[in-house]
Amino acid sequence: MSKSRIAAIDVGNDSVKAIFGKADYELNLPNVIAIDTEDRPVIGIEELDKKDPLEGIHIKVHSPALRENNVIYRVGNLATKSSNATELDPGSSKSEEDQSLVMLFTSLALDAVREENAAVFKKTNEVIDATYTLGTGLPLREVKEGRDVAYRSQLLGSVHQVEFLVTPKYQGLKVNIKFDEVKVYPEGFAAYINLVMDNNLNIINRELVDKRIIIQDIGGLSTDIAVIKNRNVDDDKAQGFNIGVAESLEEIREEIRTRHGVELDSRRDVVEIITRKHDRNHIMVKGNRTSVHDIVDRVLLELAKKQYRHLRNMWQKNSQTEICYFVGGGSIVLKEYLITLNNSLDGYNIAFFEDEKESIWMMANAYYKLISAFDKSVKNEEKNEASNKKHAKN
């Protein structure tokens, strides 16, 4: 019988971050898919199997939860090279997009097929039966609208299958995914949990626990602003907005293409150009190092002003706030613009994470802490029940 394995998955606009088991495996995939055909050209199977599976994810996905079923996709890095690659559109809802589910199922399947999990999941012929206890999340706006309930039920009630087609090492394998339990957390609350608690939900940041805090989580497609008071998210004050960095990244990408004739594969390429340590805001044009600083500054400053207005409005409504934390991948992209605006305008007490990985992985880490604690409590209850039954018999 298959055991259930813990999975914490943050399906972010830019990429999917996932943590499995006893934090023994982490996965980071670009959130890009491209519809494909059953055969894709490769140079010999021997050559294929020497490659990294994560560079050649080619799958067919079957799930009753999908609107478009039994579709073949290139996923992640392989998809970024396709002319028909799709990323999540601004204004879309994470809970209703096939792409979010395809990325979720792909991440789970990539964990399930690993040799290290051969003793965890049952394998019959080329089919692996994998059961997971899943912690994931949705934007605050979608949770407030009650969409988390439908999202959870469509995951829990079915078997979802990922079939690996022309994928290095895993070609021909199928993974049947079932869920023992699914917890869907609001993203703002998750960010707070990660700020103040460790993996066992013990408090590690006492100075923050009883403070009034605003957490502004800037993602690709949305921004969540959580108000923390008395150790809880104030549901009435928390707000979600359909504004993230994706639209601005697309604008930068399009202007680079129009002005310089350079075609960037995805938004992730734009993020790399504007955040890297060396040659930041530069691209190569016909072999010449060329600055795109003016494009980047104009577009990102405009977005930073919009984000700052949200902060100002929220702080005015919550005047006793002590600090605002900017988190999420978007906060890294906008950091210097937000700091400059704040210094010249209101001078709020704002903070960012110096560790970029911590900010990007914040949601996945929070889901991992929450789902691990839930799993531990369930196991303790089962243990106590078994012990009570044993005593009753005696």
Protein backbone atom coordinates (compact mmCIF):
# COMPACT_ATOMS: atom_id res chain seq x y z
CA MET A 1 0.00 0.00 0.00
CA SER A 2 1.26 3.47 -0.94
CA LYS A 3 2.15 5.82 1.85
CA SER A 4 1.14 9.46 1.66
CA ARG A 5 3.98 11.91 1.06
CA ILE A 6 3.93 15.57 2.04
CA ALA A 7 3.99 18.15 -0.77
CA ALA A 8 4.00 21.94 -0.40
CA ILE A 9 3.55 23.68 -3.75
CA ASP A 10 3.44 27.36 -4.61
CA VAL A 11 2.22 27.80 -8.19
CA GLY A 12 3.65 31.27 -8.76
CA ASN A 13 3.23 33.25 -11.95
CA ASP A 14 6.94 33.19 -12.76
CA SER A 15 7.71 29.71 -11.46
CA VAL A 16 6.48 26.80 -9.38
CA LYS A 17 8.30 26.21 -6.10
CA ALA A 18 7.74 22.84 -4.42
CA ILE A 19 9.06 21.10 -1.28
CA PHE A 20 8.49 17.38 -0.71
CA GLY A 21 8.73 14.77 2.04
CA LYS A 22 10.94 15.72 4.95
CA ALA A 23 12.20 18.65 2.87
CA ASP A 24 14.39 16.09 1.09
CA TYR A 25 13.55 17.39 -2.39
CA GLU A 26 12.96 20.87 -3.79
CA LEU A 27 11.77 21.74 -7.27
CA ASN A 28 11.68 25.05 -9.15
CA LEU A 29 10.11 25.11 -12.63
CA PRO A 30 9.32 28.06 -14.92
CA ASN A 31 5.52 28.41 -15.09
CA VAL A 32 5.40 28.06 -18.87
CA ILE A 33 3.56 25.44 -20.94
CA ALA A 34 3.15 24.81 -24.67
CA ILE A 35 0.67 22.46 -26.33
CA ASP A 36 2.62 19.86 -28.30
CA THR A 37 2.33 16.66 -30.35
CA GLU A 38 3.05 13.11 -29.18
CA ASP A 39 6.43 12.91 -30.90
CA ARG A 40 9.05 15.57 -30.56
CA PRO A 41 12.38 15.36 -32.38
CA VAL A 42 15.35 14.18 -30.28
CA ILE A 43 18.76 12.86 -31.18
CA GLY A 44 18.46 9.19 -30.22
CA ILE A 45 17.05 7.71 -27.01
CA GLU A 46 20.54 7.08 -25.62
CA GLU A 47 21.30 10.77 -26.02
CA LEU A 48 17.93 11.68 -24.48
CA ASP A 49 18.51 9.67 -21.30
CA LYS A 50 21.79 11.47 -20.60
CA LYS A 51 19.91 14.75 -20.29
CA ASP A 52 18.30 16.36 -17.25
CA PRO A 53 14.57 15.45 -17.08
CA LEU A 54 13.77 19.00 -15.93
CA GLU A 55 15.14 20.33 -19.24
CA GLY A 56 12.87 18.10 -21.35
CA ILE A 57 9.47 17.74 -19.68
CA HIS A 58 7.09 16.36 -22.33
CA ILE A 59 3.85 14.97 -20.90
CA LYS A 60 0.20 14.08 -21.42
CA VAL A 61 -2.12 15.08 -18.56
CA HIS A 62 -5.44 13.45 -17.74
CA SER A 63 -7.65 14.86 -15.00
CA PRO A 64 -11.38 15.49 -14.52
CA ALA A 65 -10.34 18.81 -12.96
CA LEU A 66 -9.07 20.11 -16.33
CA ARG A 67 -11.23 21.91 -18.85
CA GLU A 68 -9.02 20.62 -21.68
CA ASN A 69 -8.33 16.95 -20.93
CA ASN A 70 -5.72 14.53 -22.32
CA VAL A 71 -3.64 17.34 -23.80
CA ILE A 72 0.08 16.94 -24.55
CA TYR A 73 2.37 19.67 -23.22
CA ARG A 74 5.94 20.81 -23.12
CA VAL A 75 6.47 22.17 -19.61
CA GLY A 76 8.99 24.50 -17.98
CA ASN A 77 12.35 25.10 -19.66
CA LEU A 78 11.39 23.06 -22.74
CA ALA A 79 8.22 25.12 -23.20
CA THR A 80 10.10 28.45 -23.11
CA LYS A 81 11.74 27.45 -26.39
CA SER A 82 8.36 26.96 -28.14
CA SER A 83 6.76 29.59 -30.38
CA ASN A 84 3.34 28.83 -28.83
CA ALA A 85 4.45 29.01 -25.17
CA THR A 86 1.85 30.38 -22.76
CA GLU A 87 2.25 32.09 -19.41
CA LEU A 88 -0.61 33.04 -17.09
CA ASP A 89 -2.40 36.18 -18.27
CA PRO A 90 -2.88 39.27 -16.10
CA GLY A 91 -6.41 39.27 -14.69
CA SER A 92 -6.72 35.47 -14.72
CA SER A 93 -7.70 33.50 -11.62
CA LYS A 94 -5.21 30.90 -10.42
CA SER A 95 -8.01 28.63 -9.17
CA GLU A 96 -9.66 28.45 -12.60
CA GLU A 97 -6.71 28.07 -14.95
CA ASP A 98 -5.76 24.71 -16.48
CA GLN A 99 -2.15 25.91 -16.53
CA SER A 100 -2.03 26.12 -12.71
CA LEU A 101 -3.25 22.52 -12.43
CA VAL A 102 -0.91 21.24 -15.16
CA MET A 103 2.06 22.77 -13.30
CA LEU A 104 0.84 21.33 -9.97
CA PHE A 105 0.41 17.80 -11.38
CA THR A 106 3.75 17.98 -13.24
CA SER A 107 5.60 18.91 -10.03
CA LEU A 108 4.04 16.00 -8.13
CA ALA A 109 4.77 13.54 -10.94
CA LEU A 110 8.42 14.65 -11.11
CA ASP A 111 8.75 13.88 -7.40
CA ALA A 112 6.90 10.56 -7.63
CA VAL A 113 9.10 9.09 -10.40
CA ARG A 114 12.38 9.69 -8.59
CA GLU A 115 14.33 6.53 -7.70
CA GLU A 116 14.52 7.73 -4.10
CA ASN A 117 10.74 7.25 -3.82
CA ALA A 118 10.66 3.67 -5.11
CA ALA A 119 10.01 2.40 -1.57
CA VAL A 120 7.31 5.01 -0.93
CA PHE A 121 5.00 4.50 -3.92
CA LYS A 122 3.73 1.29 -5.46
CA LYS A 123 4.80 0.67 -9.07
CA THR A 124 3.01 -1.83 -11.33
CA ASN A 125 4.63 -2.28 -14.73
CA GLU A 126 5.20 1.33 -15.81
CA VAL A 127 2.48 2.90 -13.62
CA ILE A 128 3.26 4.57 -10.28
CA ASP A 129 0.45 5.14 -7.77
CA ALA A 130 1.32 8.20 -5.72
CA THR A 131 -0.64 9.64 -2.79
CA TYR A 132 0.10 13.09 -1.40
CA THR A 133 -0.89 15.29 1.50
CA LEU A 134 -0.85 18.67 -0.22
CA GLY A 135 -0.43 22.18 1.11
CA THR A 136 -0.91 24.93 -1.46
CA GLY A 137 -2.44 28.38 -1.67
CA LEU A 138 -4.49 30.90 -3.60
CA PRO A 139 -4.46 34.70 -3.69
CA LEU A 140 -6.36 36.37 -0.87
CA ARG A 141 -8.94 37.75 -3.32
CA GLU A 142 -9.84 34.25 -4.56
CA VAL A 143 -10.08 32.83 -1.03
CA LYS A 144 -12.34 35.72 0.03
CA GLU A 145 -14.55 34.88 -2.95
CA GLY A 146 -14.75 31.26 -1.71
CA ARG A 147 -12.97 29.73 -4.71
CA ASP A 148 -10.66 27.68 -2.49
CA VAL A 149 -13.53 25.28 -1.67
CA ALA A 150 -14.13 24.25 -5.30
CA TYR A 151 -10.40 24.14 -5.99
CA ARG A 152 -9.81 21.78 -3.07
CA SER A 153 -12.74 19.49 -3.93
CA GLN A 154 -11.71 19.03 -7.58
CA LEU A 155 -8.25 17.96 -6.43
CA LEU A 156 -9.44 15.66 -3.63
CA GLY A 157 -12.17 13.80 -5.45
CA SER A 158 -10.30 12.36 -8.42
CA VAL A 159 -7.28 10.51 -9.75
CA HIS A 160 -5.05 12.71 -11.90
CA GLN A 161 -2.60 11.11 -14.33
CA VAL A 162 0.64 12.42 -15.80
CA GLU A 163 2.19 10.35 -18.60
CA PHE A 164 5.81 11.07 -19.50
CA LEU A 165 6.31 11.00 -23.26
CA VAL A 166 9.66 12.08 -24.74
CA THR A 167 11.18 13.04 -21.37
CA PRO A 168 14.76 12.11 -20.37
CA LYS A 169 14.95 9.07 -18.01
CA TYR A 170 11.17 8.92 -17.46
CA GLN A 171 9.88 8.17 -20.95
CA GLY A 172 6.91 5.75 -20.87
CA LEU A 173 6.20 6.11 -17.14
CA LYS A 174 2.74 7.07 -15.89
CA VAL A 175 1.96 8.55 -12.50
CA ASN A 176 -1.52 8.28 -10.94
CA ILE A 177 -1.85 11.08 -8.39
CA LYS A 178 -4.31 10.96 -5.51
CA PHE A 179 -4.65 13.23 -2.49
CA ASP A 180 -5.03 12.04 1.07
CA GLU A 181 -5.73 15.64 2.09
CA VAL A 182 -5.54 19.07 0.46
CA LYS A 183 -5.15 22.30 2.41
CA VAL A 184 -5.55 25.58 0.51
CA TYR A 185 -4.15 28.56 2.42
CA PRO A 186 -4.63 32.29 1.73
CA GLU A 187 -1.28 33.65 0.58
CA GLY A 188 -1.17 36.62 2.99
CA PHE A 189 -1.64 34.39 6.03
CA ALA A 190 1.05 32.02 4.73
CA ALA A 191 3.53 34.88 4.48
CA TYR A 192 2.91 35.79 8.13
CA ILE A 193 3.39 32.18 9.26
CA ASN A 194 6.74 32.06 7.49
CA LEU A 195 7.84 35.32 9.10
CA VAL A 196 7.25 34.28 12.70
CA MET A 197 7.32 30.46 12.92
CA ASP A 198 9.64 27.52 12.28
CA ASN A 199 8.79 24.16 10.69
CA ASN A 200 7.10 22.99 13.90
CA LEU A 201 5.09 26.24 14.16
CA ASN A 202 7.16 27.33 17.14
CA ILE A 203 7.58 31.11 17.35
CA ILE A 204 11.03 32.20 16.16
CA ASN A 205 10.47 35.93 15.73
CA ARG A 206 9.00 37.09 19.02
CA GLU A 207 9.45 40.79 18.32
CA LEU A 208 7.02 40.50 15.40
CA VAL A 209 4.38 38.31 17.02
CA ASP A 210 2.32 41.01 18.71
CA LYS A 211 3.07 43.83 16.28
CA ARG A 212 0.57 45.27 13.87
CA ILE A 213 2.00 44.37 10.50
CA ILE A 214 1.11 44.87 6.87
CA ILE A 215 2.40 42.24 4.43
CA GLN A 216 2.33 43.33 0.80
CA ASP A 217 2.91 40.27 -1.37
CA ILE A 218 3.63 41.30 -4.97
CA GLY A 219 3.28 38.41 -7.37
CA GLY A 220 3.15 38.13 -11.14
CA LEU A 221 -0.60 38.46 -11.57
CA SER A 222 -1.84 39.79 -8.26
CA THR A 223 -0.94 41.67 -5.10
CA ASP A 224 -2.18 40.54 -1.68
CA ILE A 225 -2.11 42.93 1.25
CA ALA A 226 -2.62 41.23 4.60
CA VAL A 227 -3.19 43.14 7.83
CA ILE A 228 -1.92 41.23 10.87
CA LYS A 229 -3.38 42.10 14.26
CA ASN A 230 -3.42 40.00 17.43
CA ARG A 231 -1.51 37.23 15.61
CA ASN A 232 -4.24 36.82 13.00
CA VAL A 233 -5.02 38.10 9.52
CA ASP A 234 -7.81 40.66 9.74
CA ASP A 235 -10.10 39.22 7.05
CA ASP A 236 -12.15 42.41 6.75
CA LYS A 237 -9.11 44.59 6.16
CA ALA A 238 -7.14 42.20 3.93
CA GLN A 239 -7.31 43.02 0.23
CA GLY A 240 -6.30 41.48 -3.06
CA PHE A 241 -5.69 43.34 -6.31
CA ASN A 242 -5.38 42.21 -9.92
CA ILE A 243 -2.05 43.93 -10.34
CA GLY A 244 1.34 42.22 -10.43
CA VAL A 245 4.59 42.51 -12.33
CA ALA A 246 3.61 40.29 -15.29
CA GLU A 247 2.06 43.05 -17.37
CA SER A 248 5.07 45.33 -16.84
CA LEU A 249 7.49 42.53 -17.71
CA GLU A 250 5.54 41.93 -20.93
CA GLU A 251 5.72 45.65 -21.70
CA ILE A 252 9.51 45.66 -21.23
CA ARG A 253 9.83 42.50 -23.34
CA GLU A 254 7.74 44.01 -26.15
CA GLU A 255 9.63 47.31 -26.14
CA ILE A 256 12.98 45.49 -26.28
CA ARG A 257 11.67 43.53 -29.27
CA THR A 258 10.35 46.64 -31.04
CA ARG A 259 13.34 48.88 -30.34
CA HIS A 260 16.23 46.41 -30.53
CA GLY A 261 14.82 43.49 -32.53
CA VAL A 262 15.72 41.09 -29.69
CA GLU A 263 13.19 38.34 -28.91
CA LEU A 264 13.28 37.19 -25.28
CA ASP A 265 11.81 33.71 -24.63
CA SER A 266 9.74 34.52 -21.56
CA ARG A 267 9.13 36.95 -18.69
CA ARG A 268 11.75 35.04 -16.73
CA ASP A 269 14.40 36.29 -19.19
CA VAL A 270 13.28 39.85 -18.47
CA VAL A 271 13.51 39.24 -14.71
CA GLU A 272 17.05 37.90 -15.12
CA ILE A 273 18.12 41.01 -17.07
CA ILE A 274 16.77 43.41 -14.44
CA THR A 275 17.89 41.56 -11.29
CA ARG A 276 21.27 40.01 -12.11
CA LYS A 277 24.35 41.24 -10.25
CA HIS A 278 26.53 41.91 -13.30
CA ASP A 279 25.52 43.69 -16.51
CA ARG A 280 22.15 44.50 -14.99
CA ASN A 281 19.67 46.12 -17.41
CA HIS A 282 21.85 45.21 -20.39
CA ILE A 283 21.21 42.90 -23.34
CA MET A 284 23.30 41.76 -26.27
CA VAL A 285 22.26 43.28 -29.62
CA LYS A 286 24.12 41.78 -32.60
CA GLY A 287 26.96 40.92 -30.22
CA ASN A 288 27.10 44.40 -28.67
CA ARG A 289 26.37 45.08 -25.00
CA THR A 290 23.37 47.44 -25.00
CA SER A 291 21.63 49.23 -22.12
CA VAL A 292 17.85 48.93 -21.69
CA HIS A 293 17.94 50.92 -18.44
CA ASP A 294 15.65 53.67 -19.73
CA ILE A 295 12.93 51.15 -20.72
CA VAL A 296 13.15 49.26 -17.43
CA ASP A 297 13.18 52.40 -15.25
CA ARG A 298 10.18 54.00 -16.95
CA VAL A 299 7.97 50.88 -16.83
CA LEU A 300 8.91 49.70 -13.32
CA LEU A 301 8.70 53.16 -11.73
CA GLU A 302 5.14 53.44 -13.02
CA LEU A 303 4.24 50.07 -11.46
CA ALA A 304 6.03 50.96 -8.20
CA LYS A 305 3.90 54.12 -7.95
CA LYS A 306 0.72 52.01 -8.23
CA GLN A 307 2.00 49.58 -5.55
CA TYR A 308 2.96 52.49 -3.32
CA ARG A 309 -0.55 53.97 -3.63
CA HIS A 310 -1.96 50.64 -2.39
CA LEU A 311 0.42 50.74 0.57
CA ARG A 312 -0.51 54.34 1.39
CA ASN A 313 -4.25 53.61 1.23
CA MET A 314 -3.87 50.54 3.43
CA TRP A 315 -1.70 52.37 5.99
CA GLN A 316 -4.20 55.25 6.20
CA LYS A 317 -6.94 52.75 7.05
CA ASN A 318 -4.67 51.02 9.60
CA SER A 319 -2.87 53.96 11.16
CA GLN A 320 -1.40 51.96 14.06
CA THR A 321 0.58 49.69 11.75
CA GLU A 322 4.20 49.35 12.89
CA ILE A 323 5.91 47.89 9.82
CA CYS A 324 5.15 46.74 6.27
CA TYR A 325 7.01 43.77 4.80
CA PHE A 326 7.25 43.55 1.02
CA VAL A 327 7.47 39.90 -0.05
CA GLY A 328 7.22 37.83 -3.22
CA GLY A 329 9.14 37.81 -6.48
CA GLY A 330 7.62 41.15 -7.54
CA SER A 331 9.02 42.90 -4.48
CA ILE A 332 12.55 41.96 -5.58
CA VAL A 333 11.95 43.48 -9.02
CA LEU A 334 10.48 46.71 -7.54
CA LYS A 335 12.61 47.02 -4.40
CA GLU A 336 14.83 49.98 -5.32
CA TYR A 337 11.91 51.91 -6.86
CA LEU A 338 9.72 51.43 -3.77
CA ILE A 339 12.55 52.49 -1.44
CA THR A 340 13.24 55.62 -3.53
CA LEU A 341 9.54 56.56 -3.56
CA ASN A 342 9.17 55.97 0.19
CA ASN A 343 12.27 58.06 1.00
CA SER A 344 10.96 61.01 -1.04
CA LEU A 345 7.31 60.71 0.04
CA ASP A 346 5.82 59.28 3.27
CA GLY A 347 8.79 57.57 4.92
CA TYR A 348 6.86 54.54 6.16
CA ASN A 349 8.65 51.83 8.14
CA ILE A 350 9.07 49.27 5.32
CA ALA A 351 11.28 46.19 5.05
CA PHE A 352 12.43 43.72 2.39
CA PHE A 353 14.23 40.41 2.63
CA GLU A 354 17.93 40.63 1.92
CA ASP A 355 17.90 36.94 1.05
CA GLU A 356 16.20 36.83 -2.36
CA LYS A 357 15.67 33.08 -2.16
CA GLU A 358 13.83 33.49 1.14
CA SER A 359 11.47 36.02 -0.42
CA ILE A 360 10.83 33.95 -3.55
CA TRP A 361 10.38 30.69 -1.57
CA MET A 362 8.36 32.29 1.24
CA MET A 363 4.99 30.83 0.19
CA ALA A 364 6.32 27.32 -0.46
CA ASN A 365 8.12 27.37 2.91
CA ALA A 366 4.96 28.55 4.67
CA TYR A 367 2.80 25.86 3.04
CA TYR A 368 5.43 23.31 4.05
CA LYS A 369 5.33 24.44 7.69
CA LEU A 370 1.53 24.39 7.77
CA ILE A 371 0.99 21.06 6.01
CA SER A 372 3.76 19.36 8.03
CA ALA A 373 2.18 20.54 11.28
CA PHE A 374 -1.23 19.33 10.07
CA ASP A 375 0.19 15.92 9.09
CA LYS A 376 1.94 15.59 12.45
CA SER A 377 -1.28 16.37 14.37
CA VAL A 378 -3.26 13.80 12.32
CA LYS A 379 -0.64 11.12 13.00
CA ASN A 380 -0.64 11.94 16.71
CA GLU A 381 -4.43 11.63 16.81
CA GLU A 382 -4.31 8.26 15.04
CA LYS A 383 -1.62 7.08 17.45
CA ASN A 384 -3.69 8.17 20.46
CA GLU A 385 -6.81 6.49 19.05
CA ALA A 386 -4.95 3.21 18.49
CA SER A 387 -3.51 3.42 22.00
CA ASN A 388 -6.98 4.05 23.51
CA LYS A 389 -8.47 1.09 21.63
CA LYS A 390 -5.68 -1.14 22.87
CA HIS A 391 -6.30 -0.06 26.49
CA ALA A 392 -10.05 -0.56 26.05
CA LYS A 393 -9.52 -4.14 24.89
CA ASN A 394 -7.30 -4.88 27.85
